[in-house]
Each structure stands twice: as C-alpha cells, then as structure tokens.
C-alpha atoms as a PDB file:
ATOM      1  CA  MET A   1     105.350 100.908  83.741  1.00  0.00           C
ATOM      2  CA  PHE A   2     109.051 100.356  83.901  1.00  0.00           C
ATOM      3  CA  THR A   3     109.653 103.790  82.413  1.00  0.00           C
ATOM      4  CA  LEU A   4     107.445 105.501  84.986  1.00  0.00           C
ATOM      5  CA  GLY A   5     108.888 103.435  87.764  1.00  0.00           C
ATOM      6  CA  GLY A   6     112.408 104.142  86.568  1.00  0.00           C
ATOM      7  CA  ALA A   7     111.777 107.888  86.499  1.00  0.00           C
ATOM      8  CA  THR A   8     110.430 107.756  90.064  1.00  0.00           C
ATOM      9  CA  GLY A   9     113.481 105.677  91.030  1.00  0.00           C
ATOM     10  CA  VAL A  10     115.796 108.395  89.669  1.00  0.00           C
ATOM     11  CA  ILE A  11     113.978 110.953  91.816  1.00  0.00           C
ATOM     12  CA  LEU A  12     114.379 108.679  94.876  1.00  0.00           C
ATOM     13  CA  GLY A  13     118.093 108.331  94.057  1.00  0.00           C
ATOM     14  CA  ASN A  14     118.664 111.748  95.509  1.00  0.00           C
ATOM     15  CA  SER A  15     119.339 111.159  99.214  1.00  0.00           C
ATOM     16  CA  VAL A  16     117.729 114.421 100.414  1.00  0.00           C
ATOM     17  CA  VAL A  17     114.534 113.733  98.446  1.00  0.00           C
ATOM     18  CA  ASP A  18     114.550 110.087  99.499  1.00  0.00           C
ATOM     19  CA  PHE A  19     114.735 111.106 103.178  1.00  0.00           C
ATOM     20  CA  VAL A  20     111.776 113.478 102.779  1.00  0.00           C
ATOM     21  CA  LEU A  21     109.637 111.060 100.721  1.00  0.00           C
ATOM     22  CA  HIS A  22     110.398 108.036 102.917  1.00  0.00           C
ATOM     23  CA  ASP A  23     107.262 106.463 104.363  1.00  0.00           C
ATOM     24  CA  THR A  24     104.943 108.457 102.117  1.00  0.00           C
ATOM     25  CA  TYR A  25     102.549 107.355  99.364  1.00  0.00           C
ATOM     26  CA  TYR A  26     105.240 108.151  96.825  1.00  0.00           C
ATOM     27  CA  ILE A  27     107.254 105.073  97.798  1.00  0.00           C
ATOM     28  CA  ILE A  28     104.109 102.875  97.632  1.00  0.00           C
ATOM     29  CA  ALA A  29     103.331 104.085  94.100  1.00  0.00           C
ATOM     30  CA  HIS A  30     106.916 103.599  93.029  1.00  0.00           C
ATOM     31  CA  PHE A  31     107.055 100.002  94.210  1.00  0.00           C
ATOM     32  CA  HIS A  32     103.729  99.167  92.582  1.00  0.00           C
ATOM     33  CA  PHE A  33     104.804 100.671  89.260  1.00  0.00           C
ATOM     34  CA  VAL A  34     108.192  98.909  89.287  1.00  0.00           C
ATOM     35  CA  LEU A  35     107.736  95.556  90.869  1.00  0.00           C
ATOM     36  CA  SER A  36     104.228  94.223  90.538  1.00  0.00           C
ATOM     37  CA  LEU A  37     102.504  96.167  87.836  1.00  0.00           C
ATOM     38  CA  GLY A  38     105.467  96.249  85.459  1.00  0.00           C
ATOM     39  CA  ALA A  39     105.524  92.516  85.414  1.00  0.00           C
ATOM     40  CA  VAL A  40     101.726  92.251  84.905  1.00  0.00           C
ATOM     41  CA  ILE A  41     101.747  94.736  82.002  1.00  0.00           C
ATOM     42  CA  SER A  42     104.699  92.965  80.353  1.00  0.00           C
ATOM     43  CA  LEU A  43     102.996  89.535  80.627  1.00  0.00           C
ATOM     44  CA  LEU A  44      99.733  90.887  79.235  1.00  0.00           C
ATOM     45  CA  SER A  45     101.450  92.587  76.347  1.00  0.00           C
ATOM     46  CA  ILE A  46     103.335  89.378  75.452  1.00  0.00           C
ATOM     47  CA  VAL A  47     100.050  87.494  75.392  1.00  0.00           C
ATOM     48  CA  SER A  48      98.301  90.268  73.519  1.00  0.00           C
ATOM     49  CA  PHE A  49     100.835  90.493  70.717  1.00  0.00           C
ATOM     50  CA  SER A  50     101.696  86.815  70.358  1.00  0.00           C
ATOM     51  CA  ILE A  51      98.315  85.127  70.711  1.00  0.00           C
ATOM     52  CA  ASP A  52      97.950  84.860  66.941  1.00  0.00           C
ATOM     53  CA  PHE A  53     101.126  82.820  66.847  1.00  0.00           C
ATOM     54  CA  MET A  54     100.114  80.571  69.733  1.00  0.00           C
ATOM     55  CA  PHE A  55      96.789  79.644  68.214  1.00  0.00           C
ATOM     56  CA  ILE A  56      97.428  79.403  64.484  1.00  0.00           C
ATOM     57  CA  SER A  57      94.199  78.871  62.713  1.00  0.00           C
ATOM     58  CA  LYS A  58      92.448  79.805  59.505  1.00  0.00           C
ATOM     59  CA  SER A  59      89.412  81.037  61.382  1.00  0.00           C
ATOM     60  CA  LEU A  60      88.704  84.580  62.497  1.00  0.00           C
ATOM     61  CA  LEU A  61      88.901  83.616  66.250  1.00  0.00           C
ATOM     62  CA  PRO A  62      92.573  84.365  66.947  1.00  0.00           C
ATOM     63  CA  PHE A  63      92.229  87.791  65.250  1.00  0.00           C
ATOM     64  CA  VAL A  64      89.284  88.661  67.517  1.00  0.00           C
ATOM     65  CA  ILE A  65      91.023  87.306  70.620  1.00  0.00           C
ATOM     66  CA  SER A  66      94.149  89.351  70.003  1.00  0.00           C
ATOM     67  CA  TYR A  67      92.057  92.540  69.736  1.00  0.00           C
ATOM     68  CA  LEU A  68      90.193  91.659  72.924  1.00  0.00           C
ATOM     69  CA  TYR A  69      93.499  91.103  74.755  1.00  0.00           C
ATOM     70  CA  PHE A  70      94.793  94.474  73.432  1.00  0.00           C
ATOM     71  CA  TYR A  71      91.700  96.297  74.689  1.00  0.00           C
ATOM     72  CA  HIS A  72      91.973  94.537  77.984  1.00  0.00           C
ATOM     73  CA  LEU A  73      95.640  95.569  78.232  1.00  0.00           C
ATOM     74  CA  CYS A  74      94.773  99.210  77.472  1.00  0.00           C
ATOM     75  CA  LEU A  75      92.009  99.292  80.055  1.00  0.00           C
ATOM     76  CA  ILE A  76      94.316  97.805  82.717  1.00  0.00           C
ATOM     77  CA  PHE A  77      96.996 100.330  81.856  1.00  0.00           C
ATOM     78  CA  VAL A  78      94.600 103.224  82.187  1.00  0.00           C
ATOM     79  CA  GLY A  79      93.225 101.752  85.434  1.00  0.00           C
ATOM     80  CA  ILE A  80      96.752 101.459  86.868  1.00  0.00           C
ATOM     81  CA  LEU A  81      97.547 105.057  86.001  1.00  0.00           C
ATOM     82  CA  LEU A  82      94.315 106.318  87.508  1.00  0.00           C
ATOM     83  CA  SER A  83      94.982 104.300  90.698  1.00  0.00           C
ATOM     84  CA  PHE A  84      98.585 105.072  91.416  1.00  0.00           C
ATOM     85  CA  SER A  85      99.228 108.505  89.885  1.00  0.00           C
ATOM     86  CA  PRO A  86      97.277 110.273  92.727  1.00  0.00           C
ATOM     87  CA  MET A  87      99.655 108.493  95.117  1.00  0.00           C
ATOM     88  CA  HIS A  88     102.628 110.217  93.511  1.00  0.00           C
ATOM     89  CA  PHE A  89     100.988 113.633  93.978  1.00  0.00           C
ATOM     90  CA  MET A  90     100.009 112.831  97.550  1.00  0.00           C
ATOM     91  CA  GLY A  91     103.602 111.684  98.195  1.00  0.00           C
ATOM     92  CA  PHE A  92     104.957 114.951  96.838  1.00  0.00           C
ATOM     93  CA  ASN A  93     102.656 116.803  99.267  1.00  0.00           C
ATOM     94  CA  ILE A  94     104.448 114.848 102.049  1.00  0.00           C
ATOM     95  CA  ILE A  95     101.344 112.925 103.140  1.00  0.00           C
ATOM     96  CA  PRO A  96     102.468 110.003 105.291  1.00  0.00           C
ATOM     97  CA  ARG A  97     101.031 106.553 105.018  1.00  0.00           C
ATOM     98  CA  ARG A  98      98.711 105.080 107.632  1.00  0.00           C
ATOM     99  CA  ILE A  99      96.934 108.257 108.747  1.00  0.00           C
ATOM    100  CA  PRO A 100      93.313 108.239 109.810  1.00  0.00           C
ATOM    101  CA  ASP A 101      92.323 111.601 108.232  1.00  0.00           C
ATOM    102  CA  TYR A 102      93.576 113.734 105.399  1.00  0.00           C
ATOM    103  CA  LEU A 103      94.092 117.460 105.237  1.00  0.00           C
ATOM    104  CA  ASP A 104      91.226 119.625 103.974  1.00  0.00           C
ATOM    105  CA  SER A 105      93.331 120.786 101.023  1.00  0.00           C
ATOM    106  CA  ILE A 106      93.459 117.200  99.701  1.00  0.00           C
ATOM    107  CA  HIS A 107      89.634 116.948  99.539  1.00  0.00           C
ATOM    108  CA  THR A 108      89.314 119.864  97.204  1.00  0.00           C
END
C-alpha cells in the first residue's frame, strides 16, 4: 500500500498534474492508499507473521491461526485494490468528486 501510495504521490508531485487532478477521485484513492489502508495492512501483516511468537504453544492452534490471518490479509489486500484502483482510473479521466451522474463512457 505504501508503494502504490508513494507512486501516486510522485505523480501528484508535478504541479501541473496536481492542479488538473485536484478534487477528483485520484486524490481520494491516493489518501486512502497512503494514510488509512497502509496502516491497516501493516498492522495485519505484523499480526499475521508474528502470531506464532505471541502464542507459543506445542499445539497446532497457532500454526492454523497464522494461516487464517495470512488468508485474511490477502483477501483484504485484494478487496482494497478492487475498491480503490477504479478511483485512480476515474481520476485520470478527470471525473470530479460529488457529482450526481456519470458520463455514459464510464458505464461501458
């Protein structure tokens, strides 16, 4: 998430592009990638990869829990990409935020 958000931040570093993309969906997707979702993915990955060390036991339970956390992390990552990647494409098409109706070309 930080890599995707950083790449979008480099694009927004250009003042001409930033002026054009201001108040579009591109900015919204960038902020979600960088600020909120980057922190959520990092916390979930820490828990996923260190849960065996937190609950040291001879049983099979921590091994199963770590795999369940990893699958949960992967599903959240795919869900985030499916949610916010279209916002980048809509932002590149200069679609402003808070509009009641979209163009017909977006529906196709």
